Amino acid sequence: MAKVGGKIFAFLGSGERAGLTCGRDADEAAELRAAHPGTVTQSAYIGRYGWNSVTLDGAVPDDELRELIDISYDAVVAKLPKRLRPASGLPPDR
């Protein structure tokens, strides 16, 4: 689990089905699922808010995975009170 300001912006899984779960705009999340059927799925319970689960099997390029994480991170930071927003670089709890 990855957090910023005490809020989750990504989940990381390991094992047989290593994966990444992160959020983004609901319309963009649907486009991502359409572009990578079977590899990107709507997250259970939180998927209606734009969260997708991505199976880390190489089907989604690394640069796109980094972009997904960055988008989710930026969305969470934007909603934090200014006093909790990181000034620069990686926050201690990320």
C-alpha atoms as a PDB file:
ATOM      1  CA  MET A   1       0.000   0.000   0.000  1.00  0.00           C
ATOM      2  CA  ALA A   2       1.342   3.426  -0.938  1.00  0.00           C
ATOM      3  CA  LYS A   3       0.189   6.553   0.891  1.00  0.00           C
ATOM      4  CA  VAL A   4       0.645  10.292   0.847  1.00  0.00           C
ATOM      5  CA  GLY A   5      -0.639  12.489   3.664  1.00  0.00           C
ATOM      6  CA  GLY A   6      -2.176   9.399   5.269  1.00  0.00           C
ATOM      7  CA  LYS A   7      -4.308   8.664   2.175  1.00  0.00           C
ATOM      8  CA  ILE A   8      -3.890   5.626  -0.068  1.00  0.00           C
ATOM      9  CA  PHE A   9      -3.074   6.252  -3.728  1.00  0.00           C
ATOM     10  CA  ALA A  10      -2.008   2.726  -4.777  1.00  0.00           C
ATOM     11  CA  PHE A  11      -2.086  -0.894  -3.686  1.00  0.00           C
ATOM     12  CA  LEU A  12       0.643  -3.324  -4.709  1.00  0.00           C
ATOM     13  CA  GLY A  13       0.180  -7.072  -4.769  1.00  0.00           C
ATOM     14  CA  SER A  14       2.682  -9.881  -5.130  1.00  0.00           C
ATOM     15  CA  GLY A  15       2.702 -13.598  -5.635  1.00  0.00           C
ATOM     16  CA  GLU A  16       1.197 -15.557  -8.497  1.00  0.00           C
ATOM     17  CA  ARG A  17      -0.925 -12.602  -9.654  1.00  0.00           C
ATOM     18  CA  ALA A  18       1.273  -9.612  -8.979  1.00  0.00           C
ATOM     19  CA  GLY A  19      -0.688  -6.451  -9.518  1.00  0.00           C
ATOM     20  CA  LEU A  20      -1.139  -2.750  -9.058  1.00  0.00           C
ATOM     21  CA  THR A  21      -4.362  -0.999  -8.095  1.00  0.00           C
ATOM     22  CA  CYS A  22      -4.659   2.757  -8.424  1.00  0.00           C
ATOM     23  CA  GLY A  23      -7.257   5.403  -9.108  1.00  0.00           C
ATOM     24  CA  ARG A  24      -7.949   7.917 -11.845  1.00  0.00           C
ATOM     25  CA  ASP A  25     -10.878   9.680 -13.491  1.00  0.00           C
ATOM     26  CA  ALA A  26     -13.732   7.177 -14.027  1.00  0.00           C
ATOM     27  CA  ASP A  27     -13.887   7.811 -17.793  1.00  0.00           C
ATOM     28  CA  GLU A  28     -10.124   7.376 -18.180  1.00  0.00           C
ATOM     29  CA  ALA A  29     -10.302   4.222 -16.072  1.00  0.00           C
ATOM     30  CA  ALA A  30     -12.906   2.786 -18.470  1.00  0.00           C
ATOM     31  CA  GLU A  31     -10.704   3.666 -21.461  1.00  0.00           C
ATOM     32  CA  LEU A  32      -7.760   1.890 -19.848  1.00  0.00           C
ATOM     33  CA  ARG A  33      -9.855  -1.247 -19.276  1.00  0.00           C
ATOM     34  CA  ALA A  34     -10.980  -1.157 -22.921  1.00  0.00           C
ATOM     35  CA  ALA A  35      -7.375  -0.790 -24.117  1.00  0.00           C
ATOM     36  CA  HIS A  36      -6.134  -3.731 -22.013  1.00  0.00           C
ATOM     37  CA  PRO A  37      -9.009  -6.232 -21.639  1.00  0.00           C
ATOM     38  CA  GLY A  38      -8.250  -9.037 -19.221  1.00  0.00           C
ATOM     39  CA  THR A  39      -5.154  -7.286 -17.881  1.00  0.00           C
ATOM     40  CA  VAL A  40      -6.867  -4.191 -16.465  1.00  0.00           C
ATOM     41  CA  THR A  41     -10.080  -4.739 -14.516  1.00  0.00           C
ATOM     42  CA  GLN A  42     -12.372  -2.596 -12.415  1.00  0.00           C
ATOM     43  CA  SER A  43     -11.370  -2.890  -8.768  1.00  0.00           C
ATOM     44  CA  ALA A  44     -13.803  -4.629  -6.488  1.00  0.00           C
ATOM     45  CA  TYR A  45     -15.593  -2.317  -4.050  1.00  0.00           C
ATOM     46  CA  ILE A  46     -13.724   0.864  -5.102  1.00  0.00           C
ATOM     47  CA  GLY A  47     -13.895   0.515  -8.896  1.00  0.00           C
ATOM     48  CA  ARG A  48     -16.915   2.759  -9.233  1.00  0.00           C
ATOM     49  CA  TYR A  49     -14.639   5.613  -8.162  1.00  0.00           C
ATOM     50  CA  GLY A  50     -12.228   5.039 -11.054  1.00  0.00           C
ATOM     51  CA  TRP A  51      -9.927   2.495  -9.430  1.00  0.00           C
ATOM     52  CA  ASN A  52      -8.489  -0.227 -11.672  1.00  0.00           C
ATOM     53  CA  SER A  53      -6.459  -3.330 -10.940  1.00  0.00           C
ATOM     54  CA  VAL A  54      -3.622  -4.074 -13.358  1.00  0.00           C
ATOM     55  CA  THR A  55      -2.066  -7.529 -13.596  1.00  0.00           C
ATOM     56  CA  LEU A  56       1.699  -7.078 -13.818  1.00  0.00           C
ATOM     57  CA  ASP A  57       2.334  -9.532 -16.636  1.00  0.00           C
ATOM     58  CA  GLY A  58       4.114  -7.205 -19.083  1.00  0.00           C
ATOM     59  CA  ALA A  59       0.998  -6.412 -21.143  1.00  0.00           C
ATOM     60  CA  VAL A  60       0.906  -2.825 -19.861  1.00  0.00           C
ATOM     61  CA  PRO A  61       4.225  -1.047 -20.567  1.00  0.00           C
ATOM     62  CA  ASP A  62       6.255   0.172 -17.583  1.00  0.00           C
ATOM     63  CA  ASP A  63       6.000   3.814 -18.636  1.00  0.00           C
ATOM     64  CA  GLU A  64       2.202   3.526 -18.654  1.00  0.00           C
ATOM     65  CA  LEU A  65       2.284   1.926 -15.183  1.00  0.00           C
ATOM     66  CA  ARG A  66       4.398   4.824 -13.898  1.00  0.00           C
ATOM     67  CA  GLU A  67       1.913   7.257 -15.423  1.00  0.00           C
ATOM     68  CA  LEU A  68      -0.980   5.471 -13.669  1.00  0.00           C
ATOM     69  CA  ILE A  69       0.799   5.766 -10.329  1.00  0.00           C
ATOM     70  CA  ASP A  70       1.642   9.427 -10.930  1.00  0.00           C
ATOM     71  CA  ILE A  71      -1.962  10.271 -11.862  1.00  0.00           C
ATOM     72  CA  SER A  72      -3.302   8.535  -8.761  1.00  0.00           C
ATOM     73  CA  TYR A  73      -0.694  10.225  -6.540  1.00  0.00           C
ATOM     74  CA  ASP A  74      -1.419  13.669  -7.998  1.00  0.00           C
ATOM     75  CA  ALA A  75      -5.183  13.209  -7.562  1.00  0.00           C
ATOM     76  CA  VAL A  76      -4.786  12.320  -3.891  1.00  0.00           C
ATOM     77  CA  VAL A  77      -2.319  15.151  -3.216  1.00  0.00           C
ATOM     78  CA  ALA A  78      -4.695  17.662  -4.837  1.00  0.00           C
ATOM     79  CA  LYS A  79      -7.398  16.732  -2.310  1.00  0.00           C
ATOM     80  CA  LEU A  80      -5.134  16.999   0.742  1.00  0.00           C
ATOM     81  CA  PRO A  81      -5.194  20.081   2.949  1.00  0.00           C
ATOM     82  CA  LYS A  82      -2.254  22.325   2.051  1.00  0.00           C
ATOM     83  CA  ARG A  83      -0.560  21.605   5.382  1.00  0.00           C
ATOM     84  CA  LEU A  84      -0.382  17.887   4.488  1.00  0.00           C
ATOM     85  CA  ARG A  85       0.804  18.294   0.906  1.00  0.00           C
ATOM     86  CA  PRO A  86       4.425  17.353   0.280  1.00  0.00           C
ATOM     87  CA  ALA A  87       6.620  20.345  -0.548  1.00  0.00           C
ATOM     88  CA  SER A  88       8.777  18.447  -3.048  1.00  0.00           C
ATOM     89  CA  GLY A  89      10.217  15.022  -3.648  1.00  0.00           C
ATOM     90  CA  LEU A  90       8.793  11.876  -2.121  1.00  0.00           C
ATOM     91  CA  PRO A  91       6.898  12.197   1.151  1.00  0.00           C
ATOM     92  CA  PRO A  92       8.065  10.020   4.070  1.00  0.00           C
ATOM     93  CA  ASP A  93       5.068   7.673   3.882  1.00  0.00           C
ATOM     94  CA  ARG A  94       5.162   6.967   0.145  1.00  0.00           C
END
